[in-house]
Amino acid sequence: MTATQIVNTIVSTYQVGDRVEVERKGQSTPGRISSIHRRDHGIEYVVHTDAVDGGMGCVVNLWTTSGQSSFLRPAPAGGASR
């Protein structure tokens, strides 16, 4: 494989540490991007969601080939929406 074959030219919409909202199962859950992995022809966002109602948050892995995801959006200004 040549260097040009393994270069990922997809631009990430987010950066590690960004506050985001994860849309899943019809609900919006606040979280933070904990890592971004560039893979072959796409980007994987790893998001740690905030703890809810005294419980634990969860880890959500989102894969995209465009750098954007319909399941992920910037958190509202001022932090979490809840």
PDB file of N, CA and C in Angstrom:
ATOM      1  N   MET A   1       0.838  -1.172   0.000  1.00  0.00           N
ATOM      2  CA  MET A   1       0.000   0.000   0.000  1.00  0.00           C
ATOM      3  C   MET A   1       0.888   1.241   0.000  1.00  0.00           C
ATOM      4  N   THR A   2       0.562   2.190  -0.832  1.00  0.00           N
ATOM      5  CA  THR A   2       1.345   3.421  -0.863  1.00  0.00           C
ATOM      6  C   THR A   2       0.790   4.407   0.153  1.00  0.00           C
ATOM      7  N   ALA A   3       1.569   5.413   0.442  1.00  0.00           N
ATOM      8  CA  ALA A   3       1.136   6.430   1.410  1.00  0.00           C
ATOM      9  C   ALA A   3      -0.137   7.123   0.955  1.00  0.00           C
ATOM     10  N   THR A   4      -0.306   7.326  -0.339  1.00  0.00           N
ATOM     11  CA  THR A   4      -1.508   8.015  -0.818  1.00  0.00           C
ATOM     12  C   THR A   4      -2.745   7.155  -0.653  1.00  0.00           C
ATOM     13  N   GLN A   5      -2.589   5.846  -0.578  1.00  0.00           N
ATOM     14  CA  GLN A   5      -3.739   4.975  -0.407  1.00  0.00           C
ATOM     15  C   GLN A   5      -4.243   4.954   1.031  1.00  0.00           C
ATOM     16  N   ILE A   6      -3.393   5.252   1.984  1.00  0.00           N
ATOM     17  CA  ILE A   6      -3.821   5.171   3.378  1.00  0.00           C
ATOM     18  C   ILE A   6      -4.130   6.531   4.002  1.00  0.00           C
ATOM     19  N   VAL A   7      -3.991   7.591   3.251  1.00  0.00           N
ATOM     20  CA  VAL A   7      -4.305   8.926   3.767  1.00  0.00           C
ATOM     21  C   VAL A   7      -5.815   9.102   3.817  1.00  0.00           C
ATOM     22  N   ASN A   8      -6.316   9.550   4.947  1.00  0.00           N
ATOM     23  CA  ASN A   8      -7.735   9.801   5.129  1.00  0.00           C
ATOM     24  C   ASN A   8      -7.963  11.297   4.929  1.00  0.00           C
ATOM     25  N   THR A   9      -8.707  11.658   3.901  1.00  0.00           N
ATOM     26  CA  THR A   9      -8.921  13.073   3.592  1.00  0.00           C
ATOM     27  C   THR A   9     -10.222  13.612   4.170  1.00  0.00           C
ATOM     28  N   ILE A  10     -10.944  12.811   4.917  1.00  0.00           N
ATOM     29  CA  ILE A  10     -12.199  13.260   5.514  1.00  0.00           C
ATOM     30  C   ILE A  10     -11.892  14.209   6.665  1.00  0.00           C
ATOM     31  N   VAL A  11     -12.569  15.339   6.681  1.00  0.00           N
ATOM     32  CA  VAL A  11     -12.362  16.342   7.722  1.00  0.00           C
ATOM     33  C   VAL A  11     -13.346  16.086   8.859  1.00  0.00           C
ATOM     34  N   SER A  12     -12.826  15.996  10.059  1.00  0.00           N
ATOM     35  CA  SER A  12     -13.657  15.775  11.235  1.00  0.00           C
ATOM     36  C   SER A  12     -14.430  17.045  11.572  1.00  0.00           C
ATOM     37  N   THR A  13     -15.714  16.884  11.868  1.00  0.00           N
ATOM     38  CA  THR A  13     -16.564  18.005  12.253  1.00  0.00           C
ATOM     39  C   THR A  13     -16.284  18.440  13.687  1.00  0.00           C
ATOM     40  N   TYR A  14     -15.812  17.510  14.511  1.00  0.00           N
ATOM     41  CA  TYR A  14     -15.605  17.756  15.933  1.00  0.00           C
ATOM     42  C   TYR A  14     -14.155  17.525  16.327  1.00  0.00           C
ATOM     43  N   GLN A  15     -13.820  17.956  17.548  1.00  0.00           N
ATOM     44  CA  GLN A  15     -12.499  17.722  18.120  1.00  0.00           C
ATOM     45  C   GLN A  15     -12.670  17.014  19.461  1.00  0.00           C
ATOM     46  N   VAL A  16     -11.626  16.317  19.893  1.00  0.00           N
ATOM     47  CA  VAL A  16     -11.659  15.656  21.193  1.00  0.00           C
ATOM     48  C   VAL A  16     -11.931  16.711  22.267  1.00  0.00           C
ATOM     49  N   GLY A  17     -12.851  16.407  23.168  1.00  0.00           N
ATOM     50  CA  GLY A  17     -13.217  17.332  24.241  1.00  0.00           C
ATOM     51  C   GLY A  17     -14.464  18.139  23.949  1.00  0.00           C
ATOM     52  N   ASP A  18     -14.915  18.163  22.693  1.00  0.00           N
ATOM     53  CA  ASP A  18     -16.119  18.920  22.345  1.00  0.00           C
ATOM     54  C   ASP A  18     -17.345  18.348  23.049  1.00  0.00           C
ATOM     55  N   ARG A  19     -18.192  19.246  23.567  1.00  0.00           N
ATOM     56  CA  ARG A  19     -19.482  18.850  24.134  1.00  0.00           C
ATOM     57  C   ARG A  19     -20.443  18.634  22.972  1.00  0.00           C
ATOM     58  N   VAL A  20     -21.185  17.534  23.016  1.00  0.00           N
ATOM     59  CA  VAL A  20     -22.106  17.190  21.942  1.00  0.00           C
ATOM     60  C   VAL A  20     -23.403  16.633  22.521  1.00  0.00           C
ATOM     61  N   GLU A  21     -24.385  16.497  21.674  1.00  0.00           N
ATOM     62  CA  GLU A  21     -25.636  15.826  21.990  1.00  0.00           C
ATOM     63  C   GLU A  21     -25.700  14.591  21.093  1.00  0.00           C
ATOM     64  N   VAL A  22     -25.978  13.437  21.691  1.00  0.00           N
ATOM     65  CA  VAL A  22     -26.131  12.195  20.938  1.00  0.00           C
ATOM     66  C   VAL A  22     -27.618  11.899  20.829  1.00  0.00           C
ATOM     67  N   GLU A  23     -28.103  11.781  19.610  1.00  0.00           N
ATOM     68  CA  GLU A  23     -29.516  11.490  19.364  1.00  0.00           C
ATOM     69  C   GLU A  23     -29.647   9.981  19.179  1.00  0.00           C
ATOM     70  N   ARG A  24     -30.323   9.326  20.126  1.00  0.00           N
ATOM     71  CA  ARG A  24     -30.515   7.885  20.012  1.00  0.00           C
ATOM     72  C   ARG A  24     -31.809   7.475  20.691  1.00  0.00           C
ATOM     73  N   LYS A  25     -32.475   6.559  20.071  1.00  0.00           N
ATOM     74  CA  LYS A  25     -33.755   6.060  20.576  1.00  0.00           C
ATOM     75  C   LYS A  25     -34.733   7.195  20.840  1.00  0.00           C
ATOM     76  N   GLY A  26     -34.710   8.206  19.992  1.00  0.00           N
ATOM     77  CA  GLY A  26     -35.638   9.318  20.106  1.00  0.00           C
ATOM     78  C   GLY A  26     -35.339  10.309  21.208  1.00  0.00           C
ATOM     79  N   GLN A  27     -34.215  10.135  21.885  1.00  0.00           N
ATOM     80  CA  GLN A  27     -33.853  11.054  22.962  1.00  0.00           C
ATOM     81  C   GLN A  27     -32.482  11.651  22.704  1.00  0.00           C
ATOM     82  N   SER A  28     -32.297  12.843  23.198  1.00  0.00           N
ATOM     83  CA  SER A  28     -31.022  13.536  23.078  1.00  0.00           C
ATOM     84  C   SER A  28     -30.274  13.407  24.402  1.00  0.00           C
ATOM     85  N   THR A  29     -29.033  12.913  24.336  1.00  0.00           N
ATOM     86  CA  THR A  29     -28.233  12.700  25.537  1.00  0.00           C
ATOM     87  C   THR A  29     -26.952  13.518  25.449  1.00  0.00           C
ATOM     88  N   PRO A  30     -26.659  14.358  26.449  1.00  0.00           N
ATOM     89  CA  PRO A  30     -25.424  15.145  26.411  1.00  0.00           C
ATOM     90  C   PRO A  30     -24.204  14.262  26.665  1.00  0.00           C
ATOM     91  N   GLY A  31     -23.094  14.650  26.053  1.00  0.00           N
ATOM     92  CA  GLY A  31     -21.857  13.902  26.246  1.00  0.00           C
ATOM     93  C   GLY A  31     -20.657  14.701  25.772  1.00  0.00           C
ATOM     94  N   ARG A  32     -19.528  14.028  25.710  1.00  0.00           N
ATOM     95  CA  ARG A  32     -18.278  14.666  25.304  1.00  0.00           C
ATOM     96  C   ARG A  32     -17.507  13.704  24.403  1.00  0.00           C
ATOM     97  N   ILE A  33     -16.921  14.246  23.335  1.00  0.00           N
ATOM     98  CA  ILE A  33     -16.076  13.443  22.443  1.00  0.00           C
ATOM     99  C   ILE A  33     -14.818  13.064  23.222  1.00  0.00           C
ATOM    100  N   SER A  34     -14.578  11.768  23.405  1.00  0.00           N
ATOM    101  CA  SER A  34     -13.390  11.341  24.151  1.00  0.00           C
ATOM    102  C   SER A  34     -12.253  10.937  23.223  1.00  0.00           C
ATOM    103  N   SER A  35     -12.573  10.508  22.018  1.00  0.00           N
ATOM    104  CA  SER A  35     -11.512  10.212  21.050  1.00  0.00           C
ATOM    105  C   SER A  35     -12.089  10.173  19.645  1.00  0.00           C
ATOM    106  N   ILE A  36     -11.208  10.362  18.695  1.00  0.00           N
ATOM    107  CA  ILE A  36     -11.563  10.317  17.279  1.00  0.00           C
ATOM    108  C   ILE A  36     -10.544   9.416  16.602  1.00  0.00           C
ATOM    109  N   HIS A  37     -11.057   8.397  15.913  1.00  0.00           N
ATOM    110  CA  HIS A  37     -10.177   7.457  15.220  1.00  0.00           C
ATOM    111  C   HIS A  37     -10.403   7.572  13.721  1.00  0.00           C
ATOM    112  N   ARG A  38      -9.351   7.825  13.006  1.00  0.00           N
ATOM    113  CA  ARG A  38      -9.438   7.851  11.547  1.00  0.00           C
ATOM    114  C   ARG A  38      -9.171   6.441  11.049  1.00  0.00           C
ATOM    115  N   ARG A  39     -10.131   5.892  10.343  1.00  0.00           N
ATOM    116  CA  ARG A  39     -10.034   4.531   9.821  1.00  0.00           C
ATOM    117  C   ARG A  39     -10.232   4.568   8.313  1.00  0.00           C
ATOM    118  N   ASP A  40      -9.463   3.777   7.607  1.00  0.00           N
ATOM    119  CA  ASP A  40      -9.536   3.623   6.154  1.00  0.00           C
ATOM    120  C   ASP A  40     -10.302   4.738   5.439  1.00  0.00           C
ATOM    121  N   HIS A  41     -11.607   4.594   5.336  1.00  0.00           N
ATOM    122  CA  HIS A  41     -12.412   5.548   4.570  1.00  0.00           C
ATOM    123  C   HIS A  41     -13.438   6.257   5.443  1.00  0.00           C
ATOM    124  N   GLY A  42     -13.105   6.499   6.688  1.00  0.00           N
ATOM    125  CA  GLY A  42     -14.064   7.161   7.559  1.00  0.00           C
ATOM    126  C   GLY A  42     -13.470   7.580   8.885  1.00  0.00           C
ATOM    127  N   ILE A  43     -14.356   8.040   9.748  1.00  0.00           N
ATOM    128  CA  ILE A  43     -13.984   8.521  11.077  1.00  0.00           C
ATOM    129  C   ILE A  43     -14.905   7.860  12.094  1.00  0.00           C
ATOM    130  N   GLU A  44     -14.327   7.440  13.212  1.00  0.00           N
ATOM    131  CA  GLU A  44     -15.108   6.912  14.321  1.00  0.00           C
ATOM    132  C   GLU A  44     -15.008   7.909  15.475  1.00  0.00           C
ATOM    133  N   TYR A  45     -16.165   8.387  15.931  1.00  0.00           N
ATOM    134  CA  TYR A  45     -16.220   9.256  17.103  1.00  0.00           C
ATOM    135  C   TYR A  45     -16.565   8.388  18.308  1.00  0.00           C
ATOM    136  N   VAL A  46     -15.823   8.531  19.396  1.00  0.00           N
ATOM    137  CA  VAL A  46     -16.143   7.843  20.643  1.00  0.00           C
ATOM    138  C   VAL A  46     -16.644   8.917  21.603  1.00  0.00           C
ATOM    139  N   VAL A  47     -17.880   8.753  22.062  1.00  0.00           N
ATOM    140  CA  VAL A  47     -18.528   9.741  22.919  1.00  0.00           C
ATOM    141  C   VAL A  47     -18.857   9.095  24.258  1.00  0.00           C
ATOM    142  N   HIS A  48     -18.484   9.752  25.347  1.00  0.00           N
ATOM    143  CA  HIS A  48     -18.893   9.333  26.689  1.00  0.00           C
ATOM    144  C   HIS A  48     -20.073  10.217  27.068  1.00  0.00           C
ATOM    145  N   THR A  49     -21.229   9.605  27.260  1.00  0.00           N
ATOM    146  CA  THR A  49     -22.404  10.392  27.625  1.00  0.00           C
ATOM    147  C   THR A  49     -22.365  10.713  29.115  1.00  0.00           C
ATOM    148  N   ASP A  50     -23.042  11.783  29.486  1.00  0.00           N
ATOM    149  CA  ASP A  50     -23.106  12.202  30.882  1.00  0.00           C
ATOM    150  C   ASP A  50     -23.958  11.222  31.684  1.00  0.00           C
ATOM    151  N   ALA A  51     -23.657  11.114  32.963  1.00  0.00           N
ATOM    152  CA  ALA A  51     -24.467  10.293  33.864  1.00  0.00           C
ATOM    153  C   ALA A  51     -25.864  10.898  33.957  1.00  0.00           C
ATOM    154  N   VAL A  52     -26.873  10.044  34.006  1.00  0.00           N
ATOM    155  CA  VAL A  52     -28.259  10.498  34.070  1.00  0.00           C
ATOM    156  C   VAL A  52     -28.932   9.898  35.300  1.00  0.00           C
ATOM    157  N   ASP A  53     -29.618  10.720  36.063  1.00  0.00           N
ATOM    158  CA  ASP A  53     -30.385  10.279  37.239  1.00  0.00           C
ATOM    159  C   ASP A  53     -29.550   9.449  38.214  1.00  0.00           C
ATOM    160  N   GLY A  54     -28.330   9.878  38.480  1.00  0.00           N
ATOM    161  CA  GLY A  54     -27.485   9.189  39.442  1.00  0.00           C
ATOM    162  C   GLY A  54     -26.828   7.920  38.926  1.00  0.00           C
ATOM    163  N   GLY A  55     -27.157   7.526  37.708  1.00  0.00           N
ATOM    164  CA  GLY A  55     -26.557   6.326  37.122  1.00  0.00           C
ATOM    165  C   GLY A  55     -25.266   6.661  36.401  1.00  0.00           C
ATOM    166  N   MET A  56     -24.860   5.758  35.564  1.00  0.00           N
ATOM    167  CA  MET A  56     -23.634   5.969  34.800  1.00  0.00           C
ATOM    168  C   MET A  56     -23.977   6.352  33.369  1.00  0.00           C
ATOM    169  N   GLY A  57     -23.073   7.076  32.741  1.00  0.00           N
ATOM    170  CA  GLY A  57     -23.211   7.352  31.327  1.00  0.00           C
ATOM    171  C   GLY A  57     -22.791   6.111  30.549  1.00  0.00           C
ATOM    172  N   CYS A  58     -22.762   6.222  29.252  1.00  0.00           N
ATOM    173  CA  CYS A  58     -22.328   5.089  28.445  1.00  0.00           C
ATOM    174  C   CYS A  58     -21.355   5.575  27.376  1.00  0.00           C
ATOM    175  N   VAL A  59     -20.746   4.626  26.711  1.00  0.00           N
ATOM    176  CA  VAL A  59     -19.824   4.937  25.626  1.00  0.00           C
ATOM    177  C   VAL A  59     -20.546   4.643  24.320  1.00  0.00           C
ATOM    178  N   VAL A  60     -20.555   5.616  23.424  1.00  0.00           N
ATOM    179  CA  VAL A  60     -21.213   5.466  22.134  1.00  0.00           C
ATOM    180  C   VAL A  60     -20.159   5.639  21.051  1.00  0.00           C
ATOM    181  N   ASN A  61     -20.078   4.674  20.151  1.00  0.00           N
ATOM    182  CA  ASN A  61     -19.160   4.756  19.021  1.00  0.00           C
ATOM    183  C   ASN A  61     -19.974   5.066  17.777  1.00  0.00           C
ATOM    184  N   LEU A  62     -19.628   6.141  17.096  1.00  0.00           N
ATOM    185  CA  LEU A  62     -20.329   6.545  15.882  1.00  0.00           C
ATOM    186  C   LEU A  62     -19.354   6.531  14.717  1.00  0.00           C
ATOM    187  N   TRP A  63     -19.697   5.817  13.664  1.00  0.00           N
ATOM    188  CA  TRP A  63     -18.854   5.688  12.480  1.00  0.00           C
ATOM    189  C   TRP A  63     -19.462   6.510  11.355  1.00  0.00           C
ATOM    190  N   THR A  64     -18.640   7.249  10.638  1.00  0.00           N
ATOM    191  CA  THR A  64     -19.117   8.043   9.514  1.00  0.00           C
ATOM    192  C   THR A  64     -18.078   8.041   8.400  1.00  0.00           C
ATOM    193  N   THR A  65     -18.555   8.075   7.182  1.00  0.00           N
ATOM    194  CA  THR A  65     -17.635   8.171   6.047  1.00  0.00           C
ATOM    195  C   THR A  65     -17.568   9.595   5.512  1.00  0.00           C
ATOM    196  N   SER A  66     -18.335  10.507   6.125  1.00  0.00           N
ATOM    197  CA  SER A  66     -18.353  11.896   5.658  1.00  0.00           C
ATOM    198  C   SER A  66     -17.758  12.874   6.672  1.00  0.00           C
ATOM    199  N   GLY A  67     -17.534  12.422   7.904  1.00  0.00           N
ATOM    200  CA  GLY A  67     -17.065  13.319   8.957  1.00  0.00           C
ATOM    201  C   GLY A  67     -18.207  13.910   9.750  1.00  0.00           C
ATOM    202  N   GLN A  68     -19.443  13.704   9.274  1.00  0.00           N
ATOM    203  CA  GLN A  68     -20.637  14.197   9.956  1.00  0.00           C
ATOM    204  C   GLN A  68     -21.529  13.016  10.294  1.00  0.00           C
ATOM    205  N   SER A  69     -22.404  13.174  11.268  1.00  0.00           N
ATOM    206  CA  SER A  69     -23.324  12.113  11.657  1.00  0.00           C
ATOM    207  C   SER A  69     -24.663  12.719  12.031  1.00  0.00           C
ATOM    208  N   SER A  70     -25.744  12.086  11.586  1.00  0.00           N
ATOM    209  CA  SER A  70     -27.078  12.585  11.938  1.00  0.00           C
ATOM    210  C   SER A  70     -27.408  12.273  13.401  1.00  0.00           C
ATOM    211  N   PHE A  71     -26.588  11.444  14.061  1.00  0.00           N
ATOM    212  CA  PHE A  71     -26.804  11.101  15.461  1.00  0.00           C
ATOM    213  C   PHE A  71     -26.042  12.021  16.409  1.00  0.00           C
ATOM    214  N   LEU A  72     -25.263  12.940  15.865  1.00  0.00           N
ATOM    215  CA  LEU A  72     -24.380  13.772  16.675  1.00  0.00           C
ATOM    216  C   LEU A  72     -24.555  15.231  16.293  1.00  0.00           C
ATOM    217  N   ARG A  73     -24.648  16.102  17.307  1.00  0.00           N
ATOM    218  CA  ARG A  73     -24.722  17.544  17.019  1.00  0.00           C
ATOM    219  C   ARG A  73     -24.053  18.300  18.160  1.00  0.00           C
ATOM    220  N   PRO A  74     -23.641  19.530  17.901  1.00  0.00           N
ATOM    221  CA  PRO A  74     -23.004  20.321  18.966  1.00  0.00           C
ATOM    222  C   PRO A  74     -23.970  20.520  20.131  1.00  0.00           C
ATOM    223  N   ALA A  75     -23.436  20.528  21.331  1.00  0.00           N
ATOM    224  CA  ALA A  75     -24.259  20.801  22.516  1.00  0.00           C
ATOM    225  C   ALA A  75     -24.655  22.268  22.501  1.00  0.00           C
ATOM    226  N   PRO A  76     -25.816  22.597  23.064  1.00  0.00           N
ATOM    227  CA  PRO A  76     -26.225  23.998  23.137  1.00  0.00           C
ATOM    228  C   PRO A  76     -25.218  24.817  23.947  1.00  0.00           C
ATOM    229  N   ALA A  77     -25.128  26.077  23.652  1.00  0.00           N
ATOM    230  CA  ALA A  77     -24.224  26.969  24.397  1.00  0.00           C
ATOM    231  C   ALA A  77     -24.571  26.908  25.874  1.00  0.00           C
ATOM    232  N   GLY A  78     -23.558  26.848  26.704  1.00  0.00           N
ATOM    233  CA  GLY A  78     -23.790  26.793  28.139  1.00  0.00           C
ATOM    234  C   GLY A  78     -23.830  25.391  28.695  1.00  0.00           C
ATOM    235  N   GLY A  79     -23.569  24.375  27.854  1.00  0.00           N
ATOM    236  CA  GLY A  79     -23.478  23.002  28.363  1.00  0.00           C
ATOM    237  C   GLY A  79     -24.648  22.139  27.988  1.00  0.00           C
ATOM    238  N   ALA A  80     -24.953  21.220  28.867  1.00  0.00           N
ATOM    239  CA  ALA A  80     -25.973  20.206  28.603  1.00  0.00           C
ATOM    240  C   ALA A  80     -27.361  20.820  28.540  1.00  0.00           C
ATOM    241  N   SER A  81     -28.242  20.161  27.812  1.00  0.00           N
ATOM    242  CA  SER A  81     -29.596  20.675  27.652  1.00  0.00           C
ATOM    243  C   SER A  81     -30.523  20.195  28.756  1.00  0.00           C
ATOM    244  N   ARG A  82     -30.050  19.307  29.610  1.00  0.00           N
ATOM    245  CA  ARG A  82     -30.889  18.831  30.710  1.00  0.00           C
ATOM    246  C   ARG A  82     -30.436  19.408  32.011  1.00  0.00           C
TER     247      ARG A  82
END
